[in-house]
Amino acid sequence: MKKILKSFTLWFVILAVFEIYMHQIGQDSKSIVLIYLNPLLRMISRSDVASAFMNSGMKVSSRTIIGYTSIYWYIGSVLTFIIYGLILDGFRYLLRRIRNSTKQA
């Protein structure tokens, strides 16, 4: 349990859920935090084909300027935060392995 609480992935997922909640209640009415501060989602939003796909999902009402957001943007946000967390956890794992191997040598 202690190991899970120290993982970047868990905290990034919690951050993504909090970000979605803030978007739902209208604190991110222009989707700046949800989409434009996330590099992968920003690239998707600038691509015509990918953006059309992301906007094609079930519409979730929110207090944004448009009044709704596709569920795919929320799923994409959680998935990208999981990816970022796994990358950071991987770096931490590699650094620990390197540190442990230098101590033994």
C-alpha atoms as a PDB file:
ATOM      1  CA  MET A   1       0.000   0.000   0.000  1.00  0.00           C
ATOM      2  CA  LYS A   2       2.850   2.343   0.853  1.00  0.00           C
ATOM      3  CA  LYS A   3       4.403   1.712  -2.565  1.00  0.00           C
ATOM      4  CA  ILE A   4       1.160   2.621  -4.342  1.00  0.00           C
ATOM      5  CA  LEU A   5       0.861   5.899  -2.433  1.00  0.00           C
ATOM      6  CA  LYS A   6       4.375   6.826  -3.560  1.00  0.00           C
ATOM      7  CA  SER A   7       3.705   6.180  -7.251  1.00  0.00           C
ATOM      8  CA  PHE A   8       3.494   9.063  -9.664  1.00  0.00           C
ATOM      9  CA  THR A   9       0.770   7.270 -11.607  1.00  0.00           C
ATOM     10  CA  LEU A  10      -1.687   7.319  -8.711  1.00  0.00           C
ATOM     11  CA  TRP A  11      -1.155  11.003  -8.030  1.00  0.00           C
ATOM     12  CA  PHE A  12      -1.396  11.890 -11.707  1.00  0.00           C
ATOM     13  CA  VAL A  13      -4.732  10.043 -11.969  1.00  0.00           C
ATOM     14  CA  ILE A  14      -5.989  11.923  -8.912  1.00  0.00           C
ATOM     15  CA  LEU A  15      -4.815  15.151 -10.539  1.00  0.00           C
ATOM     16  CA  ALA A  16      -6.650  14.248 -13.774  1.00  0.00           C
ATOM     17  CA  VAL A  17      -9.877  13.533 -11.885  1.00  0.00           C
ATOM     18  CA  PHE A  18      -9.555  16.839 -10.030  1.00  0.00           C
ATOM     19  CA  GLU A  19      -8.927  18.625 -13.341  1.00  0.00           C
ATOM     20  CA  ILE A  20     -12.066  17.053 -14.845  1.00  0.00           C
ATOM     21  CA  TYR A  21     -14.088  18.037 -11.782  1.00  0.00           C
ATOM     22  CA  MET A  22     -12.868  21.636 -12.057  1.00  0.00           C
ATOM     23  CA  HIS A  23     -13.834  21.637 -15.733  1.00  0.00           C
ATOM     24  CA  GLN A  24     -17.289  20.285 -14.910  1.00  0.00           C
ATOM     25  CA  ILE A  25     -18.062  22.958 -12.325  1.00  0.00           C
ATOM     26  CA  GLY A  26     -16.980  25.739 -14.671  1.00  0.00           C
ATOM     27  CA  GLN A  27     -13.588  26.710 -13.264  1.00  0.00           C
ATOM     28  CA  ASP A  28     -12.000  25.870 -16.629  1.00  0.00           C
ATOM     29  CA  SER A  29     -14.703  27.202 -18.908  1.00  0.00           C
ATOM     30  CA  LYS A  30     -12.380  27.611 -21.916  1.00  0.00           C
ATOM     31  CA  SER A  31     -10.737  24.155 -21.496  1.00  0.00           C
ATOM     32  CA  ILE A  32      -7.318  25.714 -21.045  1.00  0.00           C
ATOM     33  CA  VAL A  33      -6.259  23.416 -18.204  1.00  0.00           C
ATOM     34  CA  LEU A  34      -8.034  20.338 -19.565  1.00  0.00           C
ATOM     35  CA  ILE A  35      -6.686  20.481 -23.115  1.00  0.00           C
ATOM     36  CA  TYR A  36      -4.159  23.245 -23.769  1.00  0.00           C
ATOM     37  CA  LEU A  37      -1.807  22.626 -20.818  1.00  0.00           C
ATOM     38  CA  ASN A  38      -1.610  18.916 -21.700  1.00  0.00           C
ATOM     39  CA  PRO A  39       0.888  18.573 -24.586  1.00  0.00           C
ATOM     40  CA  LEU A  40      -0.633  15.401 -26.075  1.00  0.00           C
ATOM     41  CA  LEU A  41      -4.201  16.704 -25.973  1.00  0.00           C
ATOM     42  CA  ARG A  42      -3.051  20.040 -27.409  1.00  0.00           C
ATOM     43  CA  MET A  43      -1.520  18.211 -30.396  1.00  0.00           C
ATOM     44  CA  ILE A  44      -4.753  16.253 -30.853  1.00  0.00           C
ATOM     45  CA  SER A  45      -6.849  19.422 -30.703  1.00  0.00           C
ATOM     46  CA  ARG A  46      -4.771  21.004 -33.470  1.00  0.00           C
ATOM     47  CA  SER A  47      -5.177  18.014 -35.794  1.00  0.00           C
ATOM     48  CA  ASP A  48      -8.420  18.114 -37.807  1.00  0.00           C
ATOM     49  CA  VAL A  49      -8.979  14.354 -37.984  1.00  0.00           C
ATOM     50  CA  ALA A  50      -8.053  13.611 -34.367  1.00  0.00           C
ATOM     51  CA  SER A  51     -10.026  16.585 -33.064  1.00  0.00           C
ATOM     52  CA  ALA A  52     -13.092  15.477 -35.017  1.00  0.00           C
ATOM     53  CA  PHE A  53     -12.788  12.022 -33.467  1.00  0.00           C
ATOM     54  CA  MET A  54     -12.385  13.416 -29.953  1.00  0.00           C
ATOM     55  CA  ASN A  55     -15.458  15.611 -30.414  1.00  0.00           C
ATOM     56  CA  SER A  56     -17.578  12.712 -31.740  1.00  0.00           C
ATOM     57  CA  GLY A  57     -18.102  11.016 -28.388  1.00  0.00           C
ATOM     58  CA  MET A  58     -21.020  11.223 -25.999  1.00  0.00           C
ATOM     59  CA  LYS A  59     -21.607  14.813 -24.921  1.00  0.00           C
ATOM     60  CA  VAL A  60     -21.325  15.564 -21.212  1.00  0.00           C
ATOM     61  CA  SER A  61     -22.901  18.780 -20.032  1.00  0.00           C
ATOM     62  CA  SER A  62     -20.504  21.105 -18.308  1.00  0.00           C
ATOM     63  CA  ARG A  63     -20.335  24.750 -17.356  1.00  0.00           C
ATOM     64  CA  THR A  64     -18.096  25.697 -20.252  1.00  0.00           C
ATOM     65  CA  ILE A  65     -18.598  28.308 -22.924  1.00  0.00           C
ATOM     66  CA  ILE A  66     -20.029  25.680 -25.298  1.00  0.00           C
ATOM     67  CA  GLY A  67     -22.071  23.959 -22.583  1.00  0.00           C
ATOM     68  CA  TYR A  68     -20.882  20.418 -23.214  1.00  0.00           C
ATOM     69  CA  THR A  69     -17.703  18.428 -23.721  1.00  0.00           C
ATOM     70  CA  SER A  70     -17.133  15.095 -25.409  1.00  0.00           C
ATOM     71  CA  ILE A  71     -16.370  12.278 -22.987  1.00  0.00           C
ATOM     72  CA  TYR A  72     -13.368  11.384 -25.141  1.00  0.00           C
ATOM     73  CA  TRP A  73     -11.549  14.514 -23.935  1.00  0.00           C
ATOM     74  CA  TYR A  74     -11.970  13.361 -20.338  1.00  0.00           C
ATOM     75  CA  ILE A  75     -10.848   9.822 -21.159  1.00  0.00           C
ATOM     76  CA  GLY A  76      -7.892  11.236 -23.085  1.00  0.00           C
ATOM     77  CA  SER A  77      -6.945  13.402 -20.127  1.00  0.00           C
ATOM     78  CA  VAL A  78      -6.925  10.456 -17.727  1.00  0.00           C
ATOM     79  CA  LEU A  79      -5.000   8.255 -20.189  1.00  0.00           C
ATOM     80  CA  THR A  80      -2.338  10.880 -20.850  1.00  0.00           C
ATOM     81  CA  PHE A  81      -1.873  11.459 -17.140  1.00  0.00           C
ATOM     82  CA  ILE A  82      -1.473   7.704 -16.660  1.00  0.00           C
ATOM     83  CA  ILE A  83       1.175   7.717 -19.396  1.00  0.00           C
ATOM     84  CA  TYR A  84       3.014  10.635 -17.762  1.00  0.00           C
ATOM     85  CA  GLY A  85       2.901   8.870 -14.383  1.00  0.00           C
ATOM     86  CA  LEU A  86       4.197   5.606 -15.836  1.00  0.00           C
ATOM     87  CA  ILE A  87       7.069   7.434 -17.522  1.00  0.00           C
ATOM     88  CA  LEU A  88       8.070   9.137 -14.266  1.00  0.00           C
ATOM     89  CA  ASP A  89       7.710   5.872 -12.332  1.00  0.00           C
ATOM     90  CA  GLY A  90       9.921   4.201 -14.936  1.00  0.00           C
ATOM     91  CA  PHE A  91      12.584   6.890 -14.528  1.00  0.00           C
ATOM     92  CA  ARG A  92      12.471   6.510 -10.762  1.00  0.00           C
ATOM     93  CA  TYR A  93      12.786   2.719 -11.089  1.00  0.00           C
ATOM     94  CA  LEU A  94      15.790   3.056 -13.406  1.00  0.00           C
ATOM     95  CA  LEU A  95      17.475   5.585 -11.130  1.00  0.00           C
ATOM     96  CA  ARG A  96      17.026   3.280  -8.137  1.00  0.00           C
ATOM     97  CA  ARG A  97      18.468   0.346 -10.075  1.00  0.00           C
ATOM     98  CA  ILE A  98      21.467   2.427 -11.123  1.00  0.00           C
ATOM     99  CA  ARG A  99      21.975   3.719  -7.579  1.00  0.00           C
ATOM    100  CA  ASN A 100      21.723   0.208  -6.098  1.00  0.00           C
ATOM    101  CA  SER A 101      24.132  -1.237  -8.641  1.00  0.00           C
ATOM    102  CA  THR A 102      26.732   1.446  -7.906  1.00  0.00           C
ATOM    103  CA  LYS A 103      26.446   0.819  -4.146  1.00  0.00           C
ATOM    104  CA  GLN A 104      27.080  -2.907  -4.631  1.00  0.00           C
ATOM    105  CA  ALA A 105      30.076  -2.392  -6.877  1.00  0.00           C
END
